[in-house]
Amino acid sequence: MEPQVLIVDDSLLARKQVVQALSTAGFAVLQAVDGVEALEQISQHPEIRVVVTDVHMRRMDGFDLLETARRTESAQKVSFIILTSETERDLMHRAKLLGAKGWIVKPFKADLLVAAVRKLYDTGEG
């Protein structure tokens, strides 16, 4: 089975760009438009090991997703990477405290995103 990655972003264009980069690298990519959908996907697909999420989304943002996921049994072994246009150090620090394993700024370089996802997938960090 292909490695499973979930991309969470309310921007269709951003999701398409991430799907293109990761699927070309051999990952099976699922999609969600916000944190609520992401939590549903994680509970329905236990094979998801890495989540790439935006910060600003309707219903549930990336920070609330991280916080909720850490309290959810099905998400305990999932690694999170933040993919956002935000560059504020306070936000980066908050994400790290909530357990994010990486922070990538949009627009992103596909090879850097793929390398980050592959590293987390290979090391099995959660």
PDB file of N, CA and C in Angstrom:
ATOM      1  N   MET A   1       0.832  -1.189   0.000  1.00  0.00           N
ATOM      2  CA  MET A   1       0.000   0.000   0.000  1.00  0.00           C
ATOM      3  C   MET A   1       0.881   1.258   0.000  1.00  0.00           C
ATOM      4  N   GLU A   2       0.436   2.249  -0.739  1.00  0.00           N
ATOM      5  CA  GLU A   2       1.182   3.504  -0.791  1.00  0.00           C
ATOM      6  C   GLU A   2       1.099   4.223   0.552  1.00  0.00           C
ATOM      7  N   PRO A   3       2.137   4.962   0.895  1.00  0.00           N
ATOM      8  CA  PRO A   3       2.088   5.771   2.119  1.00  0.00           C
ATOM      9  C   PRO A   3       0.939   6.778   2.035  1.00  0.00           C
ATOM     10  N   GLN A   4       0.161   6.891   3.101  1.00  0.00           N
ATOM     11  CA  GLN A   4      -1.000   7.776   3.133  1.00  0.00           C
ATOM     12  C   GLN A   4      -0.668   9.117   3.781  1.00  0.00           C
ATOM     13  N   VAL A   5      -1.036  10.182   3.092  1.00  0.00           N
ATOM     14  CA  VAL A   5      -0.853  11.536   3.597  1.00  0.00           C
ATOM     15  C   VAL A   5      -2.186  12.266   3.444  1.00  0.00           C
ATOM     16  N   LEU A   6      -2.514  13.103   4.422  1.00  0.00           N
ATOM     17  CA  LEU A   6      -3.731  13.903   4.357  1.00  0.00           C
ATOM     18  C   LEU A   6      -3.338  15.361   4.215  1.00  0.00           C
ATOM     19  N   ILE A   7      -3.900  16.037   3.208  1.00  0.00           N
ATOM     20  CA  ILE A   7      -3.693  17.469   3.040  1.00  0.00           C
ATOM     21  C   ILE A   7      -4.967  18.183   3.486  1.00  0.00           C
ATOM     22  N   VAL A   8      -4.794  19.179   4.367  1.00  0.00           N
ATOM     23  CA  VAL A   8      -5.930  19.920   4.921  1.00  0.00           C
ATOM     24  C   VAL A   8      -5.747  21.394   4.579  1.00  0.00           C
ATOM     25  N   ASP A   9      -6.608  21.888   3.700  1.00  0.00           N
ATOM     26  CA  ASP A   9      -6.508  23.286   3.284  1.00  0.00           C
ATOM     27  C   ASP A   9      -7.833  23.679   2.661  1.00  0.00           C
ATOM     28  N   ASP A  10      -8.317  24.885   2.971  1.00  0.00           N
ATOM     29  CA  ASP A  10      -9.577  25.329   2.381  1.00  0.00           C
ATOM     30  C   ASP A  10      -9.394  25.865   0.960  1.00  0.00           C
ATOM     31  N   SER A  11      -8.165  25.978   0.516  1.00  0.00           N
ATOM     32  CA  SER A  11      -7.883  26.431  -0.842  1.00  0.00           C
ATOM     33  C   SER A  11      -7.737  25.227  -1.778  1.00  0.00           C
ATOM     34  N   LEU A  12      -8.623  25.150  -2.769  1.00  0.00           N
ATOM     35  CA  LEU A  12      -8.559  24.059  -3.743  1.00  0.00           C
ATOM     36  C   LEU A  12      -7.227  24.079  -4.484  1.00  0.00           C
ATOM     37  N   LEU A  13      -6.750  25.266  -4.851  1.00  0.00           N
ATOM     38  CA  LEU A  13      -5.475  25.376  -5.560  1.00  0.00           C
ATOM     39  C   LEU A  13      -4.326  24.839  -4.709  1.00  0.00           C
ATOM     40  N   ALA A  14      -4.290  25.201  -3.447  1.00  0.00           N
ATOM     41  CA  ALA A  14      -3.227  24.710  -2.559  1.00  0.00           C
ATOM     42  C   ALA A  14      -3.288  23.193  -2.450  1.00  0.00           C
ATOM     43  N   ARG A  15      -4.493  22.641  -2.292  1.00  0.00           N
ATOM     44  CA  ARG A  15      -4.620  21.179  -2.203  1.00  0.00           C
ATOM     45  C   ARG A  15      -4.130  20.519  -3.481  1.00  0.00           C
ATOM     46  N   LYS A  16      -4.500  21.085  -4.623  1.00  0.00           N
ATOM     47  CA  LYS A  16      -4.062  20.516  -5.906  1.00  0.00           C
ATOM     48  C   LYS A  16      -2.539  20.518  -6.015  1.00  0.00           C
ATOM     49  N   GLN A  17      -1.896  21.605  -5.583  1.00  0.00           N
ATOM     50  CA  GLN A  17      -0.435  21.699  -5.658  1.00  0.00           C
ATOM     51  C   GLN A  17       0.234  20.657  -4.766  1.00  0.00           C
ATOM     52  N   VAL A  18      -0.297  20.478  -3.567  1.00  0.00           N
ATOM     53  CA  VAL A  18       0.269  19.497  -2.640  1.00  0.00           C
ATOM     54  C   VAL A  18       0.026  18.079  -3.159  1.00  0.00           C
ATOM     55  N   VAL A  19      -1.187  17.813  -3.635  1.00  0.00           N
ATOM     56  CA  VAL A  19      -1.497  16.487  -4.181  1.00  0.00           C
ATOM     57  C   VAL A  19      -0.557  16.168  -5.335  1.00  0.00           C
ATOM     58  N   GLN A  20      -0.353  17.122  -6.220  1.00  0.00           N
ATOM     59  CA  GLN A  20       0.549  16.919  -7.354  1.00  0.00           C
ATOM     60  C   GLN A  20       1.962  16.554  -6.886  1.00  0.00           C
ATOM     61  N   ALA A  21       2.488  17.337  -5.951  1.00  0.00           N
ATOM     62  CA  ALA A  21       3.852  17.112  -5.458  1.00  0.00           C
ATOM     63  C   ALA A  21       3.985  15.749  -4.785  1.00  0.00           C
ATOM     64  N   LEU A  22       3.032  15.425  -3.915  1.00  0.00           N
ATOM     65  CA  LEU A  22       3.144  14.194  -3.129  1.00  0.00           C
ATOM     66  C   LEU A  22       2.786  12.947  -3.926  1.00  0.00           C
ATOM     67  N   SER A  23       1.787  13.037  -4.790  1.00  0.00           N
ATOM     68  CA  SER A  23       1.420  11.853  -5.572  1.00  0.00           C
ATOM     69  C   SER A  23       2.508  11.511  -6.584  1.00  0.00           C
ATOM     70  N   THR A  24       3.165  12.524  -7.125  1.00  0.00           N
ATOM     71  CA  THR A  24       4.289  12.288  -8.035  1.00  0.00           C
ATOM     72  C   THR A  24       5.417  11.553  -7.315  1.00  0.00           C
ATOM     73  N   ALA A  25       5.540  11.800  -6.009  1.00  0.00           N
ATOM     74  CA  ALA A  25       6.586  11.157  -5.201  1.00  0.00           C
ATOM     75  C   ALA A  25       6.157   9.787  -4.665  1.00  0.00           C
ATOM     76  N   GLY A  26       4.943   9.342  -5.032  1.00  0.00           N
ATOM     77  CA  GLY A  26       4.514   8.002  -4.649  1.00  0.00           C
ATOM     78  C   GLY A  26       3.619   7.915  -3.430  1.00  0.00           C
ATOM     79  N   PHE A  27       3.142   9.052  -2.940  1.00  0.00           N
ATOM     80  CA  PHE A  27       2.239   9.046  -1.796  1.00  0.00           C
ATOM     81  C   PHE A  27       0.790   9.009  -2.266  1.00  0.00           C
ATOM     82  N   ALA A  28      -0.045   8.291  -1.547  1.00  0.00           N
ATOM     83  CA  ALA A  28      -1.490   8.357  -1.756  1.00  0.00           C
ATOM     84  C   ALA A  28      -1.987   9.500  -0.891  1.00  0.00           C
ATOM     85  N   VAL A  29      -2.687  10.444  -1.486  1.00  0.00           N
ATOM     86  CA  VAL A  29      -3.054  11.658  -0.782  1.00  0.00           C
ATOM     87  C   VAL A  29      -4.564  11.772  -0.646  1.00  0.00           C
ATOM     88  N   LEU A  30      -5.013  11.942   0.584  1.00  0.00           N
ATOM     89  CA  LEU A  30      -6.405  12.231   0.884  1.00  0.00           C
ATOM     90  C   LEU A  30      -6.512  13.726   1.136  1.00  0.00           C
ATOM     91  N   GLN A  31      -7.739  14.259   1.042  1.00  0.00           N
ATOM     92  CA  GLN A  31      -7.918  15.700   1.197  1.00  0.00           C
ATOM     93  C   GLN A  31      -9.048  16.024   2.170  1.00  0.00           C
ATOM     94  N   ALA A  32      -8.898  17.166   2.844  1.00  0.00           N
ATOM     95  CA  ALA A  32      -9.941  17.719   3.699  1.00  0.00           C
ATOM     96  C   ALA A  32      -9.884  19.232   3.576  1.00  0.00           C
ATOM     97  N   VAL A  33     -11.041  19.885   3.747  1.00  0.00           N
ATOM     98  CA  VAL A  33     -11.087  21.341   3.598  1.00  0.00           C
ATOM     99  C   VAL A  33     -10.912  22.088   4.913  1.00  0.00           C
ATOM    100  N   ASP A  34     -10.981  21.360   6.048  1.00  0.00           N
ATOM    101  CA  ASP A  34     -10.787  21.999   7.347  1.00  0.00           C
ATOM    102  C   ASP A  34     -10.494  20.927   8.391  1.00  0.00           C
ATOM    103  N   GLY A  35     -10.285  21.375   9.624  1.00  0.00           N
ATOM    104  CA  GLY A  35      -9.930  20.454  10.688  1.00  0.00           C
ATOM    105  C   GLY A  35     -11.011  19.442  11.017  1.00  0.00           C
ATOM    106  N   VAL A  36     -12.268  19.835  10.880  1.00  0.00           N
ATOM    107  CA  VAL A  36     -13.367  18.912  11.162  1.00  0.00           C
ATOM    108  C   VAL A  36     -13.307  17.729  10.198  1.00  0.00           C
ATOM    109  N   GLU A  37     -13.188  18.027   8.901  1.00  0.00           N
ATOM    110  CA  GLU A  37     -13.069  16.958   7.896  1.00  0.00           C
ATOM    111  C   GLU A  37     -11.800  16.145   8.119  1.00  0.00           C
ATOM    112  N   ALA A  38     -10.728  16.812   8.525  1.00  0.00           N
ATOM    113  CA  ALA A  38      -9.457  16.116   8.749  1.00  0.00           C
ATOM    114  C   ALA A  38      -9.596  15.073   9.845  1.00  0.00           C
ATOM    115  N   LEU A  39     -10.238  15.429  10.946  1.00  0.00           N
ATOM    116  CA  LEU A  39     -10.417  14.474  12.036  1.00  0.00           C
ATOM    117  C   LEU A  39     -11.271  13.286  11.597  1.00  0.00           C
ATOM    118  N   GLU A  40     -12.275  13.548  10.758  1.00  0.00           N
ATOM    119  CA  GLU A  40     -13.095  12.456  10.217  1.00  0.00           C
ATOM    120  C   GLU A  40     -12.238  11.532   9.354  1.00  0.00           C
ATOM    121  N   GLN A  41     -11.406  12.112   8.489  1.00  0.00           N
ATOM    122  CA  GLN A  41     -10.533  11.315   7.616  1.00  0.00           C
ATOM    123  C   GLN A  41      -9.554  10.478   8.435  1.00  0.00           C
ATOM    124  N   ILE A  42      -8.974  11.087   9.468  1.00  0.00           N
ATOM    125  CA  ILE A  42      -8.004  10.372  10.308  1.00  0.00           C
ATOM    126  C   ILE A  42      -8.665   9.186  11.005  1.00  0.00           C
ATOM    127  N   SER A  43      -9.898   9.377  11.480  1.00  0.00           N
ATOM    128  CA  SER A  43     -10.572   8.269  12.168  1.00  0.00           C
ATOM    129  C   SER A  43     -11.006   7.183  11.187  1.00  0.00           C
ATOM    130  N   GLN A  44     -11.316   7.553   9.957  1.00  0.00           N
ATOM    131  CA  GLN A  44     -11.756   6.581   8.953  1.00  0.00           C
ATOM    132  C   GLN A  44     -10.597   5.887   8.250  1.00  0.00           C
ATOM    133  N   HIS A  45      -9.411   6.494   8.284  1.00  0.00           N
ATOM    134  CA  HIS A  45      -8.242   5.961   7.568  1.00  0.00           C
ATOM    135  C   HIS A  45      -7.056   5.854   8.526  1.00  0.00           C
ATOM    136  N   PRO A  46      -6.984   4.781   9.303  1.00  0.00           N
ATOM    137  CA  PRO A  46      -5.888   4.641  10.273  1.00  0.00           C
ATOM    138  C   PRO A  46      -4.510   4.534   9.628  1.00  0.00           C
ATOM    139  N   GLU A  47      -4.465   4.355   8.320  1.00  0.00           N
ATOM    140  CA  GLU A  47      -3.182   4.276   7.619  1.00  0.00           C
ATOM    141  C   GLU A  47      -2.558   5.652   7.379  1.00  0.00           C
ATOM    142  N   ILE A  48      -3.286   6.733   7.666  1.00  0.00           N
ATOM    143  CA  ILE A  48      -2.721   8.087   7.534  1.00  0.00           C
ATOM    144  C   ILE A  48      -1.637   8.253   8.593  1.00  0.00           C
ATOM    145  N   ARG A  49      -0.450   8.625   8.139  1.00  0.00           N
ATOM    146  CA  ARG A  49       0.660   8.807   9.078  1.00  0.00           C
ATOM    147  C   ARG A  49       1.155  10.247   9.129  1.00  0.00           C
ATOM    148  N   VAL A  50       0.891  11.017   8.058  1.00  0.00           N
ATOM    149  CA  VAL A  50       1.341  12.414   8.008  1.00  0.00           C
ATOM    150  C   VAL A  50       0.172  13.284   7.544  1.00  0.00           C
ATOM    151  N   VAL A  51       0.005  14.413   8.230  1.00  0.00           N
ATOM    152  CA  VAL A  51      -1.005  15.398   7.855  1.00  0.00           C
ATOM    153  C   VAL A  51      -0.282  16.703   7.552  1.00  0.00           C
ATOM    154  N   VAL A  52      -0.574  17.274   6.390  1.00  0.00           N
ATOM    155  CA  VAL A  52      -0.050  18.581   6.007  1.00  0.00           C
ATOM    156  C   VAL A  52      -1.242  19.528   6.084  1.00  0.00           C
ATOM    157  N   THR A  53      -1.175  20.507   6.994  1.00  0.00           N
ATOM    158  CA  THR A  53      -2.340  21.368   7.220  1.00  0.00           C
ATOM    159  C   THR A  53      -2.016  22.855   7.157  1.00  0.00           C
ATOM    160  N   ASP A  54      -2.969  23.581   6.634  1.00  0.00           N
ATOM    161  CA  ASP A  54      -2.923  25.041   6.657  1.00  0.00           C
ATOM    162  C   ASP A  54      -3.280  25.493   8.076  1.00  0.00           C
ATOM    163  N   VAL A  55      -3.081  26.763   8.362  1.00  0.00           N
ATOM    164  CA  VAL A  55      -3.449  27.311   9.662  1.00  0.00           C
ATOM    165  C   VAL A  55      -4.863  27.886   9.612  1.00  0.00           C
ATOM    166  N   HIS A  56      -5.123  28.783   8.675  1.00  0.00           N
ATOM    167  CA  HIS A  56      -6.389  29.515   8.633  1.00  0.00           C
ATOM    168  C   HIS A  56      -7.415  28.783   7.778  1.00  0.00           C
ATOM    169  N   MET A  57      -8.447  28.240   8.450  1.00  0.00           N
ATOM    170  CA  MET A  57      -9.541  27.554   7.755  1.00  0.00           C
ATOM    171  C   MET A  57     -10.822  27.788   8.533  1.00  0.00           C
ATOM    172  N   ARG A  58     -11.954  27.661   7.847  1.00  0.00           N
ATOM    173  CA  ARG A  58     -13.252  27.801   8.512  1.00  0.00           C
ATOM    174  C   ARG A  58     -13.516  26.584   9.384  1.00  0.00           C
ATOM    175  N   ARG A  59     -14.492  26.681  10.208  1.00  0.00           N
ATOM    176  CA  ARG A  59     -14.955  25.647  11.149  1.00  0.00           C
ATOM    177  C   ARG A  59     -13.888  25.245  12.160  1.00  0.00           C
ATOM    178  N   MET A  60     -12.743  24.694  11.726  1.00  0.00           N
ATOM    179  CA  MET A  60     -11.663  24.331  12.643  1.00  0.00           C
ATOM    180  C   MET A  60     -10.329  24.624  11.967  1.00  0.00           C
ATOM    181  N   ASP A  61      -9.528  25.500  12.587  1.00  0.00           N
ATOM    182  CA  ASP A  61      -8.243  25.873  11.983  1.00  0.00           C
ATOM    183  C   ASP A  61      -7.158  24.839  12.305  1.00  0.00           C
ATOM    184  N   GLY A  62      -5.975  25.076  11.792  1.00  0.00           N
ATOM    185  CA  GLY A  62      -4.870  24.134  11.964  1.00  0.00           C
ATOM    186  C   GLY A  62      -4.427  23.955  13.404  1.00  0.00           C
ATOM    187  N   PHE A  63      -4.476  25.026  14.191  1.00  0.00           N
ATOM    188  CA  PHE A  63      -4.095  24.910  15.603  1.00  0.00           C
ATOM    189  C   PHE A  63      -5.101  24.072  16.385  1.00  0.00           C
ATOM    190  N   ASP A  64      -6.394  24.325  16.141  1.00  0.00           N
ATOM    191  CA  ASP A  64      -7.423  23.530  16.816  1.00  0.00           C
ATOM    192  C   ASP A  64      -7.356  22.069  16.366  1.00  0.00           C
ATOM    193  N   LEU A  65      -7.028  21.853  15.097  1.00  0.00           N
ATOM    194  CA  LEU A  65      -6.848  20.492  14.600  1.00  0.00           C
ATOM    195  C   LEU A  65      -5.727  19.786  15.353  1.00  0.00           C
ATOM    196  N   LEU A  66      -4.581  20.450  15.476  1.00  0.00           N
ATOM    197  CA  LEU A  66      -3.450  19.872  16.211  1.00  0.00           C
ATOM    198  C   LEU A  66      -3.829  19.551  17.655  1.00  0.00           C
ATOM    199  N   GLU A  67      -4.455  20.517  18.309  1.00  0.00           N
ATOM    200  CA  GLU A  67      -4.816  20.346  19.712  1.00  0.00           C
ATOM    201  C   GLU A  67      -5.808  19.191  19.900  1.00  0.00           C
ATOM    202  N   THR A  68      -6.811  19.139  19.055  1.00  0.00           N
ATOM    203  CA  THR A  68      -7.814  18.082  19.142  1.00  0.00           C
ATOM    204  C   THR A  68      -7.220  16.727  18.782  1.00  0.00           C
ATOM    205  N   ALA A  69      -6.389  16.699  17.758  1.00  0.00           N
ATOM    206  CA  ALA A  69      -5.787  15.435  17.322  1.00  0.00           C
ATOM    207  C   ALA A  69      -4.936  14.817  18.417  1.00  0.00           C
ATOM    208  N   ARG A  70      -4.248  15.628  19.179  1.00  0.00           N
ATOM    209  CA  ARG A  70      -3.389  15.108  20.246  1.00  0.00           C
ATOM    210  C   ARG A  70      -4.198  14.451  21.363  1.00  0.00           C
ATOM    211  N   ARG A  71      -5.485  14.782  21.439  1.00  0.00           N
ATOM    212  CA  ARG A  71      -6.362  14.155  22.438  1.00  0.00           C
ATOM    213  C   ARG A  71      -7.179  13.010  21.845  1.00  0.00           C
ATOM    214  N   THR A  72      -6.988  12.735  20.550  1.00  0.00           N
ATOM    215  CA  THR A  72      -7.763  11.724  19.850  1.00  0.00           C
ATOM    216  C   THR A  72      -6.903  10.488  19.634  1.00  0.00           C
ATOM    217  N   GLU A  73      -7.376   9.356  20.097  1.00  0.00           N
ATOM    218  CA  GLU A  73      -6.582   8.128  20.019  1.00  0.00           C
ATOM    219  C   GLU A  73      -6.171   7.785  18.589  1.00  0.00           C
ATOM    220  N   SER A  74      -7.072   7.961  17.623  1.00  0.00           N
ATOM    221  CA  SER A  74      -6.763   7.588  16.243  1.00  0.00           C
ATOM    222  C   SER A  74      -5.663   8.454  15.628  1.00  0.00           C
ATOM    223  N   ALA A  75      -5.370   9.604  16.247  1.00  0.00           N
ATOM    224  CA  ALA A  75      -4.368  10.518  15.684  1.00  0.00           C
ATOM    225  C   ALA A  75      -3.055  10.511  16.451  1.00  0.00           C
ATOM    226  N   GLN A  76      -2.891   9.646  17.420  1.00  0.00           N
ATOM    227  CA  GLN A  76      -1.686   9.648  18.257  1.00  0.00           C
ATOM    228  C   GLN A  76      -0.407   9.397  17.470  1.00  0.00           C
ATOM    229  N   LYS A  77      -0.469   8.601  16.411  1.00  0.00           N
ATOM    230  CA  LYS A  77       0.740   8.268  15.653  1.00  0.00           C
ATOM    231  C   LYS A  77       0.855   9.065  14.364  1.00  0.00           C
ATOM    232  N   VAL A  78       0.103  10.140  14.270  1.00  0.00           N
ATOM    233  CA  VAL A  78       0.104  10.978  13.078  1.00  0.00           C
ATOM    234  C   VAL A  78       1.054  12.154  13.292  1.00  0.00           C
ATOM    235  N   SER A  79       1.901  12.412  12.309  1.00  0.00           N
ATOM    236  CA  SER A  79       2.794  13.571  12.335  1.00  0.00           C
ATOM    237  C   SER A  79       2.153  14.715  11.564  1.00  0.00           C
ATOM    238  N   PHE A  80       2.325  15.932  12.060  1.00  0.00           N
ATOM    239  CA  PHE A  80       1.725  17.111  11.433  1.00  0.00           C
ATOM    240  C   PHE A  80       2.793  18.069  10.931  1.00  0.00           C
ATOM    241  N   ILE A  81       2.573  18.562   9.711  1.00  0.00           N
ATOM    242  CA  ILE A  81       3.386  19.620   9.117  1.00  0.00           C
ATOM    243  C   ILE A  81       2.442  20.780   8.823  1.00  0.00           C
ATOM    244  N   ILE A  82       2.830  21.974   9.235  1.00  0.00           N
ATOM    245  CA  ILE A  82       2.048  23.170   8.925  1.00  0.00           C
ATOM    246  C   ILE A  82       2.539  23.716   7.587  1.00  0.00           C
ATOM    247  N   LEU A  83       1.587  23.978   6.681  1.00  0.00           N
ATOM    248  CA  LEU A  83       1.895  24.575   5.380  1.00  0.00           C
ATOM    249  C   LEU A  83       1.035  25.828   5.266  1.00  0.00           C
ATOM    250  N   THR A  84       1.653  26.996   5.397  1.00  0.00           N
ATOM    251  CA  THR A  84       0.906  28.244   5.487  1.00  0.00           C
ATOM    252  C   THR A  84       1.698  29.411   4.925  1.00  0.00           C
ATOM    253  N   SER A  85       1.007  30.510   4.703  1.00  0.00           N
ATOM    254  CA  SER A  85       1.691  31.737   4.274  1.00  0.00           C
ATOM    255  C   SER A  85       2.184  32.536   5.476  1.00  0.00           C
ATOM    256  N   GLU A  86       1.824  32.111   6.680  1.00  0.00           N
ATOM    257  CA  GLU A  86       2.227  32.803   7.913  1.00  0.00           C
ATOM    258  C   GLU A  86       3.727  32.615   8.180  1.00  0.00           C
ATOM    259  N   THR A  87       4.358  33.682   8.665  1.00  0.00           N
ATOM    260  CA  THR A  87       5.785  33.608   8.989  1.00  0.00           C
ATOM    261  C   THR A  87       6.091  34.095  10.402  1.00  0.00           C
ATOM    262  N   GLU A  88       5.051  34.372  11.189  1.00  0.00           N
ATOM    263  CA  GLU A  88       5.255  34.887  12.542  1.00  0.00           C
ATOM    264  C   GLU A  88       5.846  33.821  13.461  1.00  0.00           C
ATOM    265  N   ARG A  89       6.904  34.184  14.162  1.00  0.00           N
ATOM    266  CA  ARG A  89       7.572  33.245  15.072  1.00  0.00           C
ATOM    267  C   ARG A  89       6.653  32.756  16.194  1.00  0.00           C
ATOM    268  N   ASP A  90       5.770  33.631  16.677  1.00  0.00           N
ATOM    269  CA  ASP A  90       4.846  33.217  17.736  1.00  0.00           C
ATOM    270  C   ASP A  90       3.957  32.069  17.274  1.00  0.00           C
ATOM    271  N   LEU A  91       3.498  32.151  16.025  1.00  0.00           N
ATOM    272  CA  LEU A  91       2.654  31.085  15.487  1.00  0.00           C
ATOM    273  C   LEU A  91       3.452  29.797  15.306  1.00  0.00           C
ATOM    274  N   MET A  92       4.676  29.935  14.845  1.00  0.00           N
ATOM    275  CA  MET A  92       5.540  28.758  14.685  1.00  0.00           C
ATOM    276  C   MET A  92       5.776  28.089  16.035  1.00  0.00           C
ATOM    277  N   HIS A  93       6.035  28.907  17.035  1.00  0.00           N
ATOM    278  CA  HIS A  93       6.278  28.388  18.379  1.00  0.00           C
ATOM    279  C   HIS A  93       5.031  27.675  18.919  1.00  0.00           C
ATOM    280  N   ARG A  94       3.885  28.286  18.702  1.00  0.00           N
ATOM    281  CA  ARG A  94       2.630  27.674  19.154  1.00  0.00           C
ATOM    282  C   ARG A  94       2.427  26.312  18.489  1.00  0.00           C
ATOM    283  N   ALA A  95       2.683  26.233  17.188  1.00  0.00           N
ATOM    284  CA  ALA A  95       2.522  24.972  16.466  1.00  0.00           C
ATOM    285  C   ALA A  95       3.465  23.906  17.019  1.00  0.00           C
ATOM    286  N   LYS A  96       4.686  24.309  17.302  1.00  0.00           N
ATOM    287  CA  LYS A  96       5.656  23.360  17.851  1.00  0.00           C
ATOM    288  C   LYS A  96       5.200  22.849  19.220  1.00  0.00           C
ATOM    289  N   LEU A  97       4.700  23.756  20.062  1.00  0.00           N
ATOM    290  CA  LEU A  97       4.199  23.356  21.380  1.00  0.00           C
ATOM    291  C   LEU A  97       3.029  22.379  21.266  1.00  0.00           C
ATOM    292  N   LEU A  98       2.245  22.524  20.201  1.00  0.00           N
ATOM    293  CA  LEU A  98       1.103  21.638  19.977  1.00  0.00           C
ATOM    294  C   LEU A  98       1.506  20.325  19.296  1.00  0.00           C
ATOM    295  N   GLY A  99       2.792  20.207  18.959  1.00  0.00           N
ATOM    296  CA  GLY A  99       3.273  18.941  18.416  1.00  0.00           C
ATOM    297  C   GLY A  99       3.560  18.903  16.935  1.00  0.00           C
ATOM    298  N   ALA A 100       3.471  20.039  16.241  1.00  0.00           N
ATOM    299  CA  ALA A 100       3.797  20.036  14.809  1.00  0.00           C
ATOM    300  C   ALA A 100       5.271  19.698  14.617  1.00  0.00           C
ATOM    301  N   LYS A 101       5.565  18.901  13.624  1.00  0.00           N
ATOM    302  CA  LYS A 101       6.943  18.470  13.342  1.00  0.00           C
ATOM    303  C   LYS A 101       7.634  19.334  12.296  1.00  0.00           C
ATOM    304  N   GLY A 102       6.868  20.214  11.644  1.00  0.00           N
ATOM    305  CA  GLY A 102       7.476  21.066  10.627  1.00  0.00           C
ATOM    306  C   GLY A 102       6.593  22.256  10.291  1.00  0.00           C
ATOM    307  N   TRP A 103       7.212  23.269   9.697  1.00  0.00           N
ATOM    308  CA  TRP A 103       6.528  24.502   9.286  1.00  0.00           C
ATOM    309  C   TRP A 103       7.087  24.869   7.929  1.00  0.00           C
ATOM    310  N   ILE A 104       6.236  24.855   6.911  1.00  0.00           N
ATOM    311  CA  ILE A 104       6.664  25.195   5.556  1.00  0.00           C
ATOM    312  C   ILE A 104       5.828  26.383   5.097  1.00  0.00           C
ATOM    313  N   VAL A 105       6.501  27.379   4.534  1.00  0.00           N
ATOM    314  CA  VAL A 105       5.833  28.602   4.117  1.00  0.00           C
ATOM    315  C   VAL A 105       5.448  28.518   2.643  1.00  0.00           C
ATOM    316  N   LYS A 106       4.198  28.946   2.349  1.00  0.00           N
ATOM    317  CA  LYS A 106       3.714  29.040   0.967  1.00  0.00           C
ATOM    318  C   LYS A 106       4.242  30.332   0.362  1.00  0.00           C
ATOM    319  N   PRO A 107       4.532  30.383  -0.909  1.00  0.00           N
ATOM    320  CA  PRO A 107       4.542  29.245  -1.822  1.00  0.00           C
ATOM    321  C   PRO A 107       5.688  28.302  -1.472  1.00  0.00           C
ATOM    322  N   PHE A 108       5.458  27.017  -1.630  1.00  0.00           N
ATOM    323  CA  PHE A 108       6.425  26.022  -1.193  1.00  0.00           C
ATOM    324  C   PHE A 108       7.149  25.392  -2.378  1.00  0.00           C
ATOM    325  N   LYS A 109       8.318  24.851  -2.081  1.00  0.00           N
ATOM    326  CA  LYS A 109       9.067  24.089  -3.083  1.00  0.00           C
ATOM    327  C   LYS A 109       8.657  22.632  -2.921  1.00  0.00           C
ATOM    328  N   ALA A 110       8.199  22.022  -4.008  1.00  0.00           N
ATOM    329  CA  ALA A 110       7.676  20.652  -3.957  1.00  0.00           C
ATOM    330  C   ALA A 110       8.690  19.679  -3.371  1.00  0.00           C
ATOM    331  N   ASP A 111       9.974  19.816  -3.751  1.00  0.00           N
ATOM    332  CA  ASP A 111      10.974  18.858  -3.270  1.00  0.00           C
ATOM    333  C   ASP A 111      11.186  18.959  -1.762  1.00  0.00           C
ATOM    334  N   LEU A 112      11.060  20.170  -1.197  1.00  0.00           N
ATOM    335  CA  LEU A 112      11.202  20.328   0.251  1.00  0.00           C
ATOM    336  C   LEU A 112      10.017  19.724   0.997  1.00  0.00           C
ATOM    337  N   LEU A 113       8.818  19.905   0.459  1.00  0.00           N
ATOM    338  CA  LEU A 113       7.640  19.307   1.073  1.00  0.00           C
ATOM    339  C   LEU A 113       7.738  17.785   1.032  1.00  0.00           C
ATOM    340  N   VAL A 114       8.089  17.245  -0.116  1.00  0.00           N
ATOM    341  CA  VAL A 114       8.223  15.794  -0.263  1.00  0.00           C
ATOM    342  C   VAL A 114       9.274  15.248   0.698  1.00  0.00           C
ATOM    343  N   ALA A 115      10.398  15.931   0.811  1.00  0.00           N
ATOM    344  CA  ALA A 115      11.467  15.477   1.714  1.00  0.00           C
ATOM    345  C   ALA A 115      10.992  15.481   3.168  1.00  0.00           C
ATOM    346  N   ALA A 116      10.261  16.508   3.567  1.00  0.00           N
ATOM    347  CA  ALA A 116       9.758  16.598   4.942  1.00  0.00           C
ATOM    348  C   ALA A 116       8.756  15.477   5.222  1.00  0.00           C
ATOM    349  N   VAL A 117       7.841  15.243   4.295  1.00  0.00           N
ATOM    350  CA  VAL A 117       6.839  14.190   4.467  1.00  0.00           C
ATOM    351  C   VAL A 117       7.518  12.829   4.504  1.00  0.00           C
ATOM    352  N   ARG A 118       8.443  12.614   3.583  1.00  0.00           N
ATOM    353  CA  ARG A 118       9.137  11.325   3.531  1.00  0.00           C
ATOM    354  C   ARG A 118       9.906  11.057   4.826  1.00  0.00           C
ATOM    355  N   LYS A 119      10.573  12.088   5.339  1.00  0.00           N
ATOM    356  CA  LYS A 119      11.343  11.925   6.583  1.00  0.00           C
ATOM    357  C   LYS A 119      10.426  11.513   7.732  1.00  0.00           C
ATOM    358  N   LEU A 120       9.297  12.186   7.881  1.00  0.00           N
ATOM    359  CA  LEU A 120       8.372  11.858   8.952  1.00  0.00           C
ATOM    360  C   LEU A 120       7.771  10.470   8.756  1.00  0.00           C
ATOM    361  N   TYR A 121       7.460  10.156   7.517  1.00  0.00           N
ATOM    362  CA  TYR A 121       6.863   8.845   7.242  1.00  0.00           C
ATOM    363  C   TYR A 121       7.875   7.750   7.546  1.00  0.00           C
ATOM    364  N   ASP A 122       9.119   7.950   7.134  1.00  0.00           N
ATOM    365  CA  ASP A 122      10.149   6.925   7.335  1.00  0.00           C
ATOM    366  C   ASP A 122      10.527   6.743   8.790  1.00  0.00           C
ATOM    367  N   THR A 123      10.543   7.838   9.557  1.00  0.00           N
ATOM    368  CA  THR A 123      10.922   7.733  10.965  1.00  0.00           C
ATOM    369  C   THR A 123       9.756   7.338  11.851  1.00  0.00           C
ATOM    370  N   GLY A 124       8.544   7.454  11.310  1.00  0.00           N
ATOM    371  CA  GLY A 124       7.367   7.051  12.071  1.00  0.00           C
ATOM    372  C   GLY A 124       7.092   7.931  13.265  1.00  0.00           C
ATOM    373  N   GLU A 125       7.568   9.175  13.225  1.00  0.00           N
ATOM    374  CA  GLU A 125       7.317  10.084  14.337  1.00  0.00           C
ATOM    375  C   GLU A 125       5.836  10.419  14.399  1.00  0.00           C
ATOM    376  N   GLY A 126       5.344  10.611  15.609  1.00  0.00           N
ATOM    377  CA  GLY A 126       3.934  10.962  15.766  1.00  0.00           C
ATOM    378  C   GLY A 126       3.765  12.144  16.639  1.00  0.00           C
TER     379      GLY A 126
END
